[in-house]
Amino acid sequence: MIEWEIWISFRRKTVRIHQQRARRPCFGEMIQIDGSPHNWFEGRGDACCLIVFIDDATSYIVHMQFFPSETSLGLVKK
């Protein structure tokens, strides 16, 4: 098929592999924040978002709290 030019092979794209970032060396240097919207209470309550603060050096969960939605306003209210 290639000889008759019915099928033309394409070069495969080279896969870029990203180097992983090194973790911070000390506790508290970097806190990662992530939100997970989900039906946490299985229909017994409103759907909400769990926002979690995780230390980068140790993967220790520093704080977590439920909020109505994943917004930056939930990060400053305590």
PDB file of N, CA and C in Angstrom:
ATOM      1  N   MET A   1       0.822  -1.190   0.000  1.00  0.00           N
ATOM      2  CA  MET A   1       0.000   0.000   0.000  1.00  0.00           C
ATOM      3  C   MET A   1       0.868   1.256   0.000  1.00  0.00           C
ATOM      4  N   ILE A   2       2.015   1.159   0.688  1.00  0.00           N
ATOM      5  CA  ILE A   2       2.909   2.312   0.701  1.00  0.00           C
ATOM      6  C   ILE A   2       3.509   2.528  -0.685  1.00  0.00           C
ATOM      7  N   GLU A   3       3.897   1.439  -1.342  1.00  0.00           N
ATOM      8  CA  GLU A   3       4.461   1.548  -2.685  1.00  0.00           C
ATOM      9  C   GLU A   3       3.463   2.157  -3.667  1.00  0.00           C
ATOM     10  N   TRP A   4       2.207   1.843  -3.524  1.00  0.00           N
ATOM     11  CA  TRP A   4       1.178   2.355  -4.429  1.00  0.00           C
ATOM     12  C   TRP A   4       0.643   3.712  -3.966  1.00  0.00           C
ATOM     13  N   GLU A   5       1.179   4.195  -2.846  1.00  0.00           N
ATOM     14  CA  GLU A   5       0.797   5.483  -2.249  1.00  0.00           C
ATOM     15  C   GLU A   5      -0.675   5.534  -1.851  1.00  0.00           C
ATOM     16  N   ILE A   6      -1.200   4.366  -1.457  1.00  0.00           N
ATOM     17  CA  ILE A   6      -2.558   4.319  -0.942  1.00  0.00           C
ATOM     18  C   ILE A   6      -2.552   4.669   0.539  1.00  0.00           C
ATOM     19  N   TRP A   7      -1.497   4.243   1.222  1.00  0.00           N
ATOM     20  CA  TRP A   7      -1.377   4.506   2.651  1.00  0.00           C
ATOM     21  C   TRP A   7      -0.053   5.201   2.892  1.00  0.00           C
ATOM     22  N   ILE A   8      -0.095   6.280   3.625  1.00  0.00           N
ATOM     23  CA  ILE A   8       1.110   7.027   3.938  1.00  0.00           C
ATOM     24  C   ILE A   8       1.340   6.927   5.437  1.00  0.00           C
ATOM     25  N   SER A   9       2.524   6.475   5.825  1.00  0.00           N
ATOM     26  CA  SER A   9       2.812   6.361   7.254  1.00  0.00           C
ATOM     27  C   SER A   9       3.158   7.739   7.810  1.00  0.00           C
ATOM     28  N   PHE A  10       2.749   7.959   9.027  1.00  0.00           N
ATOM     29  CA  PHE A  10       3.043   9.215   9.703  1.00  0.00           C
ATOM     30  C   PHE A  10       4.052   8.938  10.801  1.00  0.00           C
ATOM     31  N   ARG A  11       4.910   9.881  11.020  1.00  0.00           N
ATOM     32  CA  ARG A  11       5.849   9.741  12.129  1.00  0.00           C
ATOM     33  C   ARG A  11       5.089   9.900  13.432  1.00  0.00           C
ATOM     34  N   ARG A  12       5.449   9.094  14.390  1.00  0.00           N
ATOM     35  CA  ARG A  12       4.822   9.221  15.702  1.00  0.00           C
ATOM     36  C   ARG A  12       5.375  10.446  16.399  1.00  0.00           C
ATOM     37  N   LYS A  13       4.513  11.102  17.108  1.00  0.00           N
ATOM     38  CA  LYS A  13       4.952  12.253  17.880  1.00  0.00           C
ATOM     39  C   LYS A  13       5.862  11.780  19.007  1.00  0.00           C
ATOM     40  N   THR A  14       6.893  12.538  19.243  1.00  0.00           N
ATOM     41  CA  THR A  14       7.753  12.191  20.360  1.00  0.00           C
ATOM     42  C   THR A  14       7.052  12.595  21.652  1.00  0.00           C
ATOM     43  N   VAL A  15       7.084  11.709  22.587  1.00  0.00           N
ATOM     44  CA  VAL A  15       6.407  11.940  23.853  1.00  0.00           C
ATOM     45  C   VAL A  15       7.333  12.747  24.749  1.00  0.00           C
ATOM     46  N   ARG A  16       6.851  13.870  25.211  1.00  0.00           N
ATOM     47  CA  ARG A  16       7.632  14.690  26.126  1.00  0.00           C
ATOM     48  C   ARG A  16       7.392  14.190  27.547  1.00  0.00           C
ATOM     49  N   ILE A  17       8.451  13.909  28.226  1.00  0.00           N
ATOM     50  CA  ILE A  17       8.343  13.480  29.609  1.00  0.00           C
ATOM     51  C   ILE A  17       8.792  14.640  30.482  1.00  0.00           C
ATOM     52  N   HIS A  18       7.876  15.105  31.313  1.00  0.00           N
ATOM     53  CA  HIS A  18       8.181  16.225  32.193  1.00  0.00           C
ATOM     54  C   HIS A  18       8.898  15.719  33.436  1.00  0.00           C
ATOM     55  N   GLN A  19       9.957  16.411  33.778  1.00  0.00           N
ATOM     56  CA  GLN A  19      10.646  16.041  35.003  1.00  0.00           C
ATOM     57  C   GLN A  19       9.803  16.454  36.191  1.00  0.00           C
ATOM     58  N   GLN A  20       9.764  15.600  37.186  1.00  0.00           N
ATOM     59  CA  GLN A  20       9.019  15.934  38.385  1.00  0.00           C
ATOM     60  C   GLN A  20       9.792  16.957  39.197  1.00  0.00           C
ATOM     61  N   ARG A  21       9.055  17.864  39.773  1.00  0.00           N
ATOM     62  CA  ARG A  21       9.641  18.893  40.609  1.00  0.00           C
ATOM     63  C   ARG A  21      10.063  18.272  41.930  1.00  0.00           C
ATOM     64  N   ALA A  22      11.217  18.683  42.424  1.00  0.00           N
ATOM     65  CA  ALA A  22      11.679  18.176  43.721  1.00  0.00           C
ATOM     66  C   ALA A  22      10.809  18.765  44.825  1.00  0.00           C
ATOM     67  N   ARG A  23      10.509  17.958  45.831  1.00  0.00           N
ATOM     68  CA  ARG A  23       9.710  18.436  46.956  1.00  0.00           C
ATOM     69  C   ARG A  23      10.497  19.460  47.758  1.00  0.00           C
ATOM     70  N   ARG A  24       9.777  20.328  48.442  1.00  0.00           N
ATOM     71  CA  ARG A  24      10.419  21.302  49.309  1.00  0.00           C
ATOM     72  C   ARG A  24      11.069  20.575  50.479  1.00  0.00           C
ATOM     73  N   PRO A  25      12.209  21.040  50.954  1.00  0.00           N
ATOM     74  CA  PRO A  25      12.925  20.294  51.993  1.00  0.00           C
ATOM     75  C   PRO A  25      12.340  20.405  53.395  1.00  0.00           C
ATOM     76  N   CYS A  26      11.627  21.482  53.711  1.00  0.00           N
ATOM     77  CA  CYS A  26      11.166  21.694  55.083  1.00  0.00           C
ATOM     78  C   CYS A  26       9.652  21.826  55.153  1.00  0.00           C
ATOM     79  N   PHE A  27       9.099  21.342  56.254  1.00  0.00           N
ATOM     80  CA  PHE A  27       7.663  21.455  56.506  1.00  0.00           C
ATOM     81  C   PHE A  27       7.249  22.933  56.506  1.00  0.00           C
ATOM     82  N   GLY A  28       6.162  23.240  55.827  1.00  0.00           N
ATOM     83  CA  GLY A  28       5.600  24.584  55.831  1.00  0.00           C
ATOM     84  C   GLY A  28       6.128  25.511  54.756  1.00  0.00           C
ATOM     85  N   GLU A  29       7.126  25.104  53.990  1.00  0.00           N
ATOM     86  CA  GLU A  29       7.649  25.976  52.939  1.00  0.00           C
ATOM     87  C   GLU A  29       6.641  26.158  51.810  1.00  0.00           C
ATOM     88  N   MET A  30       5.919  25.104  51.486  1.00  0.00           N
ATOM     89  CA  MET A  30       4.914  25.198  50.429  1.00  0.00           C
ATOM     90  C   MET A  30       3.692  24.377  50.841  1.00  0.00           C
ATOM     91  N   ILE A  31       2.548  25.023  50.825  1.00  0.00           N
ATOM     92  CA  ILE A  31       1.288  24.351  51.112  1.00  0.00           C
ATOM     93  C   ILE A  31       0.495  24.304  49.816  1.00  0.00           C
ATOM     94  N   GLN A  32       0.122  23.119  49.406  1.00  0.00           N
ATOM     95  CA  GLN A  32      -0.690  22.956  48.207  1.00  0.00           C
ATOM     96  C   GLN A  32      -2.152  22.896  48.618  1.00  0.00           C
ATOM     97  N   ILE A  33      -3.000  23.534  47.817  1.00  0.00           N
ATOM     98  CA  ILE A  33      -4.429  23.589  48.119  1.00  0.00           C
ATOM     99  C   ILE A  33      -5.179  22.940  46.967  1.00  0.00           C
ATOM    100  N   ASP A  34      -6.086  22.031  47.317  1.00  0.00           N
ATOM    101  CA  ASP A  34      -6.869  21.359  46.295  1.00  0.00           C
ATOM    102  C   ASP A  34      -8.304  21.207  46.772  1.00  0.00           C
ATOM    103  N   GLY A  35      -9.227  21.329  45.847  1.00  0.00           N
ATOM    104  CA  GLY A  35     -10.636  21.171  46.160  1.00  0.00           C
ATOM    105  C   GLY A  35     -11.219  19.974  45.431  1.00  0.00           C
ATOM    106  N   SER A  36     -12.151  19.305  46.071  1.00  0.00           N
ATOM    107  CA  SER A  36     -12.772  18.133  45.487  1.00  0.00           C
ATOM    108  C   SER A  36     -14.292  18.238  45.617  1.00  0.00           C
ATOM    109  N   PRO A  37     -14.961  18.777  44.574  1.00  0.00           N
ATOM    110  CA  PRO A  37     -16.424  18.844  44.620  1.00  0.00           C
ATOM    111  C   PRO A  37     -17.024  17.450  44.443  1.00  0.00           C
ATOM    112  N   HIS A  38     -17.955  17.119  45.313  1.00  0.00           N
ATOM    113  CA  HIS A  38     -18.493  15.756  45.304  1.00  0.00           C
ATOM    114  C   HIS A  38     -19.772  15.726  46.146  1.00  0.00           C
ATOM    115  N   ASN A  39     -20.577  14.725  45.951  1.00  0.00           N
ATOM    116  CA  ASN A  39     -21.754  14.519  46.784  1.00  0.00           C
ATOM    117  C   ASN A  39     -21.311  13.739  48.028  1.00  0.00           C
ATOM    118  N   TRP A  40     -20.604  14.423  48.905  1.00  0.00           N
ATOM    119  CA  TRP A  40     -19.943  13.793  50.050  1.00  0.00           C
ATOM    120  C   TRP A  40     -20.904  13.110  51.011  1.00  0.00           C
ATOM    121  N   PHE A  41     -22.121  13.615  51.137  1.00  0.00           N
ATOM    122  CA  PHE A  41     -23.046  13.099  52.142  1.00  0.00           C
ATOM    123  C   PHE A  41     -24.098  12.172  51.539  1.00  0.00           C
ATOM    124  N   GLU A  42     -23.868  11.705  50.320  1.00  0.00           N
ATOM    125  CA  GLU A  42     -24.689  10.696  49.649  1.00  0.00           C
ATOM    126  C   GLU A  42     -26.181  11.011  49.691  1.00  0.00           C
ATOM    127  N   GLY A  43     -26.534  12.228  49.374  1.00  0.00           N
ATOM    128  CA  GLY A  43     -27.939  12.616  49.310  1.00  0.00           C
ATOM    129  C   GLY A  43     -28.544  13.033  50.633  1.00  0.00           C
ATOM    130  N   ARG A  44     -27.835  12.863  51.736  1.00  0.00           N
ATOM    131  CA  ARG A  44     -28.359  13.272  53.039  1.00  0.00           C
ATOM    132  C   ARG A  44     -28.109  14.755  53.311  1.00  0.00           C
ATOM    133  N   GLY A  45     -27.386  15.399  52.446  1.00  0.00           N
ATOM    134  CA  GLY A  45     -27.104  16.829  52.559  1.00  0.00           C
ATOM    135  C   GLY A  45     -26.771  17.370  51.178  1.00  0.00           C
ATOM    136  N   ASP A  46     -26.557  18.665  51.096  1.00  0.00           N
ATOM    137  CA  ASP A  46     -26.225  19.287  49.813  1.00  0.00           C
ATOM    138  C   ASP A  46     -24.835  18.845  49.351  1.00  0.00           C
ATOM    139  N   ALA A  47     -24.651  18.829  48.031  1.00  0.00           N
ATOM    140  CA  ALA A  47     -23.320  18.568  47.488  1.00  0.00           C
ATOM    141  C   ALA A  47     -22.415  19.727  47.880  1.00  0.00           C
ATOM    142  N   CYS A  48     -21.170  19.435  48.181  1.00  0.00           N
ATOM    143  CA  CYS A  48     -20.246  20.478  48.609  1.00  0.00           C
ATOM    144  C   CYS A  48     -18.840  20.137  48.124  1.00  0.00           C
ATOM    145  N   CYS A  49     -17.905  20.989  48.478  1.00  0.00           N
ATOM    146  CA  CYS A  49     -16.523  20.826  48.044  1.00  0.00           C
ATOM    147  C   CYS A  49     -15.617  20.710  49.271  1.00  0.00           C
ATOM    148  N   LEU A  50     -14.802  19.688  49.298  1.00  0.00           N
ATOM    149  CA  LEU A  50     -13.822  19.532  50.363  1.00  0.00           C
ATOM    150  C   LEU A  50     -12.538  20.202  49.907  1.00  0.00           C
ATOM    151  N   ILE A  51     -12.102  21.238  50.620  1.00  0.00           N
ATOM    152  CA  ILE A  51     -10.855  21.922  50.307  1.00  0.00           C
ATOM    153  C   ILE A  51      -9.804  21.457  51.307  1.00  0.00           C
ATOM    154  N   VAL A  52      -8.658  21.009  50.768  1.00  0.00           N
ATOM    155  CA  VAL A  52      -7.609  20.402  51.586  1.00  0.00           C
ATOM    156  C   VAL A  52      -6.312  21.183  51.409  1.00  0.00           C
ATOM    157  N   PHE A  53      -5.621  21.438  52.517  1.00  0.00           N
ATOM    158  CA  PHE A  53      -4.312  22.085  52.519  1.00  0.00           C
ATOM    159  C   PHE A  53      -3.285  20.999  52.840  1.00  0.00           C
ATOM    160  N   ILE A  54      -2.331  20.767  51.939  1.00  0.00           N
ATOM    161  CA  ILE A  54      -1.370  19.679  52.090  1.00  0.00           C
ATOM    162  C   ILE A  54       0.046  20.242  52.049  1.00  0.00           C
ATOM    163  N   ASP A  55       0.861  19.841  53.012  1.00  0.00           N
ATOM    164  CA  ASP A  55       2.259  20.257  53.034  1.00  0.00           C
ATOM    165  C   ASP A  55       3.020  19.513  51.948  1.00  0.00           C
ATOM    166  N   ASP A  56       3.825  20.240  51.169  1.00  0.00           N
ATOM    167  CA  ASP A  56       4.541  19.644  50.049  1.00  0.00           C
ATOM    168  C   ASP A  56       5.671  18.728  50.506  1.00  0.00           C
ATOM    169  N   ALA A  57       6.367  19.070  51.567  1.00  0.00           N
ATOM    170  CA  ALA A  57       7.535  18.299  52.008  1.00  0.00           C
ATOM    171  C   ALA A  57       7.152  16.945  52.599  1.00  0.00           C
ATOM    172  N   THR A  58       6.052  16.902  53.341  1.00  0.00           N
ATOM    173  CA  THR A  58       5.704  15.689  54.088  1.00  0.00           C
ATOM    174  C   THR A  58       4.403  15.024  53.652  1.00  0.00           C
ATOM    175  N   SER A  59       3.623  15.675  52.789  1.00  0.00           N
ATOM    176  CA  SER A  59       2.280  15.229  52.386  1.00  0.00           C
ATOM    177  C   SER A  59       1.321  15.197  53.569  1.00  0.00           C
ATOM    178  N   TYR A  60       1.646  15.914  54.621  1.00  0.00           N
ATOM    179  CA  TYR A  60       0.802  16.006  55.811  1.00  0.00           C
ATOM    180  C   TYR A  60      -0.388  16.913  55.510  1.00  0.00           C
ATOM    181  N   ILE A  61      -1.587  16.493  55.875  1.00  0.00           N
ATOM    182  CA  ILE A  61      -2.779  17.315  55.677  1.00  0.00           C
ATOM    183  C   ILE A  61      -2.823  18.335  56.804  1.00  0.00           C
ATOM    184  N   VAL A  62      -2.637  19.596  56.447  1.00  0.00           N
ATOM    185  CA  VAL A  62      -2.582  20.677  57.421  1.00  0.00           C
ATOM    186  C   VAL A  62      -3.985  21.085  57.855  1.00  0.00           C
ATOM    187  N   HIS A  63      -4.913  21.139  56.908  1.00  0.00           N
ATOM    188  CA  HIS A  63      -6.280  21.559  57.214  1.00  0.00           C
ATOM    189  C   HIS A  63      -7.193  21.063  56.108  1.00  0.00           C
ATOM    190  N   MET A  64      -8.435  20.762  56.465  1.00  0.00           N
ATOM    191  CA  MET A  64      -9.452  20.448  55.461  1.00  0.00           C
ATOM    192  C   MET A  64     -10.806  20.902  55.990  1.00  0.00           C
ATOM    193  N   GLN A  65     -11.642  21.353  55.057  1.00  0.00           N
ATOM    194  CA  GLN A  65     -12.943  21.880  55.460  1.00  0.00           C
ATOM    195  C   GLN A  65     -13.896  21.821  54.276  1.00  0.00           C
ATOM    196  N   PHE A  66     -15.188  21.622  54.569  1.00  0.00           N
ATOM    197  CA  PHE A  66     -16.222  21.614  53.540  1.00  0.00           C
ATOM    198  C   PHE A  66     -16.697  23.040  53.273  1.00  0.00           C
ATOM    199  N   PHE A  67     -16.913  23.343  51.981  1.00  0.00           N
ATOM    200  CA  PHE A  67     -17.455  24.628  51.552  1.00  0.00           C
ATOM    201  C   PHE A  67     -18.534  24.358  50.507  1.00  0.00           C
ATOM    202  N   PRO A  68     -19.452  25.304  50.316  1.00  0.00           N
ATOM    203  CA  PRO A  68     -20.516  25.083  49.322  1.00  0.00           C
ATOM    204  C   PRO A  68     -19.982  24.893  47.900  1.00  0.00           C
ATOM    205  N   SER A  69     -18.881  25.571  47.559  1.00  0.00           N
ATOM    206  CA  SER A  69     -18.305  25.441  46.220  1.00  0.00           C
ATOM    207  C   SER A  69     -16.803  25.689  46.292  1.00  0.00           C
ATOM    208  N   GLU A  70     -16.106  25.364  45.229  1.00  0.00           N
ATOM    209  CA  GLU A  70     -14.651  25.540  45.176  1.00  0.00           C
ATOM    210  C   GLU A  70     -14.346  26.948  44.671  1.00  0.00           C
ATOM    211  N   THR A  71     -14.189  27.867  45.580  1.00  0.00           N
ATOM    212  CA  THR A  71     -13.865  29.252  45.223  1.00  0.00           C
ATOM    213  C   THR A  71     -12.714  29.725  46.112  1.00  0.00           C
ATOM    214  N   SER A  72     -12.090  30.802  45.690  1.00  0.00           N
ATOM    215  CA  SER A  72     -11.003  31.361  46.486  1.00  0.00           C
ATOM    216  C   SER A  72     -11.550  32.028  47.768  1.00  0.00           C
ATOM    217  N   LEU A  73     -12.832  32.376  47.791  1.00  0.00           N
ATOM    218  CA  LEU A  73     -13.400  32.965  49.009  1.00  0.00           C
ATOM    219  C   LEU A  73     -13.416  31.951  50.145  1.00  0.00           C
ATOM    220  N   GLY A  74     -13.562  30.687  49.824  1.00  0.00           N
ATOM    221  CA  GLY A  74     -13.535  29.651  50.859  1.00  0.00           C
ATOM    222  C   GLY A  74     -12.174  29.493  51.498  1.00  0.00           C
ATOM    223  N   LEU A  75     -11.135  29.934  50.828  1.00  0.00           N
ATOM    224  CA  LEU A  75      -9.783  29.788  51.350  1.00  0.00           C
ATOM    225  C   LEU A  75      -9.465  30.807  52.424  1.00  0.00           C
ATOM    226  N   VAL A  76     -10.128  31.954  52.402  1.00  0.00           N
ATOM    227  CA  VAL A  76      -9.789  33.011  53.364  1.00  0.00           C
ATOM    228  C   VAL A  76     -10.747  33.028  54.563  1.00  0.00           C
ATOM    229  N   LYS A  77     -11.893  32.385  54.446  1.00  0.00           N
ATOM    230  CA  LYS A  77     -12.855  32.367  55.554  1.00  0.00           C
ATOM    231  C   LYS A  77     -12.505  31.260  56.540  1.00  0.00           C
ATOM    232  N   LYS A  78     -12.515  31.567  57.810  1.00  0.00           N
ATOM    233  CA  LYS A  78     -12.277  30.526  58.825  1.00  0.00           C
ATOM    234  C   LYS A  78     -13.152  30.787  60.009  1.00  0.00           C
TER     235      LYS A  78
END
